[in-house]
Protein backbone atom coordinates (compact mmCIF):
# COMPACT_ATOMS: atom_id res chain seq x y z
CA MET A 1 -17.51 29.56 97.82
CA PRO A 2 -14.48 28.95 95.59
CA SER A 3 -14.75 30.52 92.18
CA LEU A 4 -13.29 29.84 88.76
CA GLN A 5 -11.69 32.49 86.62
CA LYS A 6 -11.12 32.24 82.89
CA LYS A 7 -7.86 33.63 81.64
CA LYS A 8 -6.59 32.89 78.13
CA ASN A 9 -8.78 29.75 77.86
CA ILE A 10 -7.27 28.34 81.06
CA TYR A 11 -9.46 27.83 84.09
CA ARG A 12 -7.87 28.20 87.48
CA PHE A 13 -9.20 28.08 90.99
CA CYS A 14 -9.37 31.41 92.78
CA SER A 15 -8.86 30.73 96.46
CA THR A 16 -8.85 34.42 97.42
CA GLY A 17 -12.52 34.80 96.47
CA SER A 18 -13.51 31.96 98.76
CA ARG A 19 -11.77 33.27 101.87
CA SER A 20 -14.59 35.63 102.88
CA HIS A 21 -17.19 32.95 102.17
CA ARG A 22 -15.37 30.42 104.34
CA LYS A 23 -15.16 32.92 107.20
CA LYS A 24 -18.87 33.74 106.96
CA LEU A 25 -19.79 30.07 106.99
CA ASN A 26 -17.15 29.20 109.62
CA TYR A 27 -15.99 26.47 107.24
CA ASN A 28 -12.44 25.13 107.31
CA PHE A 29 -11.53 23.30 104.12
CA SER A 30 -8.14 21.65 103.90
CA GLY A 31 -8.00 22.08 100.13
CA ILE A 32 -7.14 25.76 100.43
CA HIS A 33 -4.00 27.04 102.09
CA THR A 34 -4.30 30.65 103.24
CA PRO A 35 -1.23 32.81 103.90
CA GLN A 36 0.08 32.69 107.43
CA ASN A 37 2.24 35.82 107.01
CA ASP A 38 2.82 38.58 104.46
CA LYS A 39 5.36 36.49 102.48
CA ASP A 40 3.23 33.36 102.32
CA LEU A 41 1.05 32.64 99.25
CA TYR A 42 -2.39 31.23 98.67
CA ALA A 43 -2.33 27.64 97.48
CA SER A 44 -4.85 25.00 96.50
CA SER A 45 -4.63 21.28 97.06
CA TYR A 46 -6.68 20.04 94.14
CA SER A 47 -6.55 16.43 95.36
CA ASN A 48 -8.75 17.49 98.29
CA PHE A 49 -11.42 18.62 95.83
CA VAL A 50 -11.85 15.24 94.14
CA VAL A 51 -13.93 13.46 96.80
CA PRO A 52 -16.47 16.31 97.30
CA LEU A 53 -16.82 16.72 93.54
CA VAL A 54 -17.35 12.99 92.97
CA LYS A 55 -19.97 12.96 95.76
CA ALA A 56 -21.72 15.95 94.20
CA VAL A 57 -21.78 14.27 90.77
CA GLN A 58 -23.17 11.07 92.33
CA GLN A 59 -25.94 13.02 94.07
CA LEU A 60 -26.81 14.87 90.87
CA SER A 61 -26.82 11.62 88.91
CA LYS A 62 -29.20 10.03 91.43
CA GLN A 63 -31.47 13.08 91.31
CA ASN A 64 -31.37 13.06 87.50
CA ASP A 65 -32.36 9.36 87.41
CA SER A 66 -35.25 10.07 89.77
CA LEU A 67 -36.46 12.95 87.60
CA LYS A 68 -36.19 10.79 84.46
CA ASN A 69 -38.36 8.10 86.11
CA GLU A 70 -40.90 10.71 87.20
CA LEU A 71 -41.01 12.19 83.70
CA GLU A 72 -41.48 8.76 82.14
CA SER A 73 -44.34 8.07 84.55
CA MET A 74 -45.97 11.38 83.61
CA HIS A 75 -45.63 10.56 79.91
CA ASN A 76 -47.37 7.22 80.54
CA ASP A 77 -50.15 8.98 82.46
CA ILE A 78 -50.63 11.45 79.59
CA ALA A 79 -50.77 8.62 77.06
CA GLN A 80 -53.44 6.88 79.15
CA LEU A 81 -55.45 10.10 79.45
CA LYS A 82 -55.21 10.65 75.68
CA SER A 83 -56.52 7.16 75.00
CA VAL A 84 -59.42 7.75 77.42
CA VAL A 85 -60.28 11.04 75.72
CA LEU A 86 -60.04 9.55 72.23
CA LYS A 87 -62.25 6.62 73.23
CA GLY A 88 -64.76 9.05 74.70
CA GLY A 89 -64.84 7.08 77.92
CA SER A 90 -67.69 4.89 76.65
CA ASN A 91 -66.22 1.49 77.50
CA ILE A 92 -64.30 2.39 80.63
CA SER A 93 -64.92 0.75 83.93
CA SER A 94 -63.83 2.02 87.29
CA THR A 95 -63.02 -0.26 90.20
CA ASP A 96 -63.29 0.95 93.78
CA ASN A 97 -60.71 -1.27 95.51
CA SER A 98 -62.08 -0.66 98.99
CA ALA A 99 -65.50 -2.05 98.09
CA SER A 100 -64.35 -4.36 95.26
CA LYS A 101 -67.13 -3.24 92.94
CA THR A 102 -67.06 -2.37 89.25
CA ILE A 103 -69.05 0.52 87.88
CA SER A 104 -69.72 0.77 84.17
CA LEU A 105 -69.17 4.30 82.97
CA SER A 106 -70.88 3.62 79.65
CA SER A 107 -74.13 4.97 81.13
CA ALA A 108 -72.45 8.24 82.18
CA THR A 109 -73.17 11.08 79.77
CA ILE A 110 -72.63 14.81 79.65
CA TYR A 111 -74.60 16.92 77.19
CA GLN A 112 -73.91 20.25 75.50
CA ASN A 113 -74.64 23.22 77.73
CA VAL A 114 -77.76 25.30 76.96
CA PRO A 115 -77.68 28.06 75.90
CA ASN A 116 -74.39 28.02 74.05
CA PRO A 117 -72.99 30.62 73.53
CA PHE A 118 -74.14 32.37 76.71
CA SER A 119 -73.31 35.44 78.78
CA ASN A 120 -74.03 34.88 82.49
CA ALA A 121 -75.28 31.37 83.17
CA SER A 122 -75.80 28.10 81.34
CA THR A 123 -77.19 24.68 82.25
CA ILE A 124 -75.33 21.42 81.71
CA LYS A 125 -77.44 18.26 81.63
CA LEU A 126 -75.75 15.01 82.56
CA GLN A 127 -76.47 11.44 83.48
CA LEU A 128 -74.47 9.49 86.07
CA PRO A 129 -74.20 5.70 86.51
CA SER A 130 -75.76 4.14 89.57
CA GLY A 131 -73.34 3.31 92.37
CA TYR A 132 -70.72 5.92 91.57
CA THR A 133 -68.53 7.07 94.45
CA ASN A 134 -67.72 10.61 93.33
CA ALA A 135 -68.31 12.76 90.28
CA SER A 136 -67.47 16.29 89.23
CA ILE A 137 -67.49 18.69 86.33
CA ILE A 138 -64.19 20.44 85.64
CA ILE A 139 -64.17 23.69 83.66
CA THR A 140 -60.87 24.51 81.96
CA GLU A 141 -59.29 27.06 79.66
CA ASN A 142 -58.03 26.00 76.23
CA ASN A 143 -54.52 25.54 77.67
CA GLY A 144 -55.82 23.02 80.26
CA LYS A 145 -55.73 25.33 83.28
CA ILE A 146 -58.54 24.33 85.66
CA LEU A 147 -60.81 27.28 86.43
CA LYS A 148 -63.58 25.63 88.42
CA THR A 149 -64.52 22.23 89.78
CA VAL A 150 -68.17 21.47 90.53
CA ALA A 151 -68.54 18.47 92.84
CA LEU A 152 -71.64 16.38 92.18
CA ASN A 153 -72.82 14.93 95.48
CA GLU A 154 -75.57 12.44 96.20
CA SER A 155 -78.24 15.15 96.01
CA TYR A 156 -77.39 15.80 92.35
CA SER A 157 -80.57 16.50 90.34
CA GLY A 158 -79.57 15.91 86.70
CA ASN A 159 -78.71 19.49 85.70
CA VAL A 160 -75.88 21.74 86.77
CA LYS A 161 -76.19 25.50 86.47
CA VAL A 162 -72.87 27.16 85.68
CA GLU A 163 -72.48 30.85 86.48
CA THR A 164 -69.52 32.46 84.80
CA SER A 165 -69.58 36.11 85.82
CA SER A 166 -65.85 35.95 86.63
CA LEU A 167 -64.85 34.62 83.19
CA SER A 168 -64.03 36.71 80.15
CA ALA A 169 -65.51 36.01 76.73
CA GLY A 170 -63.98 33.01 74.98
CA ALA A 171 -64.07 29.26 74.52
CA TYR A 172 -63.87 26.92 77.53
CA GLN A 173 -64.04 23.16 78.00
CA TYR A 174 -65.97 21.22 80.61
CA SER A 175 -65.40 17.56 81.42
CA LEU A 176 -67.36 15.00 83.39
CA ILE A 177 -65.18 12.99 85.78
CA VAL A 178 -66.71 9.91 87.44
CA ASP A 179 -64.70 7.97 90.02
CA GLY A 180 -61.47 9.51 88.74
CA ARG A 181 -62.12 8.73 85.08
CA MET A 182 -62.89 11.28 82.36
CA VAL A 183 -66.15 10.40 80.65
CA ASP A 184 -66.39 13.15 78.03
CA THR A 185 -65.45 16.76 77.31
CA LYS A 186 -67.57 19.45 75.66
CA GLN A 187 -66.89 23.05 74.65
CA MET A 188 -68.85 26.09 75.77
CA LEU A 189 -68.67 29.61 74.41
CA LEU A 190 -69.01 32.65 76.56
């Protein structure tokens, strides 16, 4: 690859450094003239660099726009999640588009784990709305890192026993998710 050298605040193209790279890549670039004999000099045709550089800037600009859009979308998702958490999920409804049904999550509840604090195992009592498609409890660290997900299938009995032998002492959060919506979050101490 061609390299730039800084000398007395002037940048110049160093075509000698790119010679070995071009040979390795078997790349012939007309913007660099290599010596044909021992009296010939290296030379650069800077006009041949303009088109590749403009193309590179266009590609980077397109990629940058895409990343900006993705970041904006993520910010919107975070804002929506914050509003759900602040509302406590009590008046949220979830629509399953495939079945065109609406499930009221206001009847979904998760209670404080017992005992709390605990050392090996604790029980979380919860109530799920009728007609839900899927539900789970997600256990996270304070920084939001998900440690464990407990899927609640149709044979769910009303209580979930959480065994935490692999966790160190500290504070953790657990959240009830019903049909992709967060209902509530509680804290447990280990």
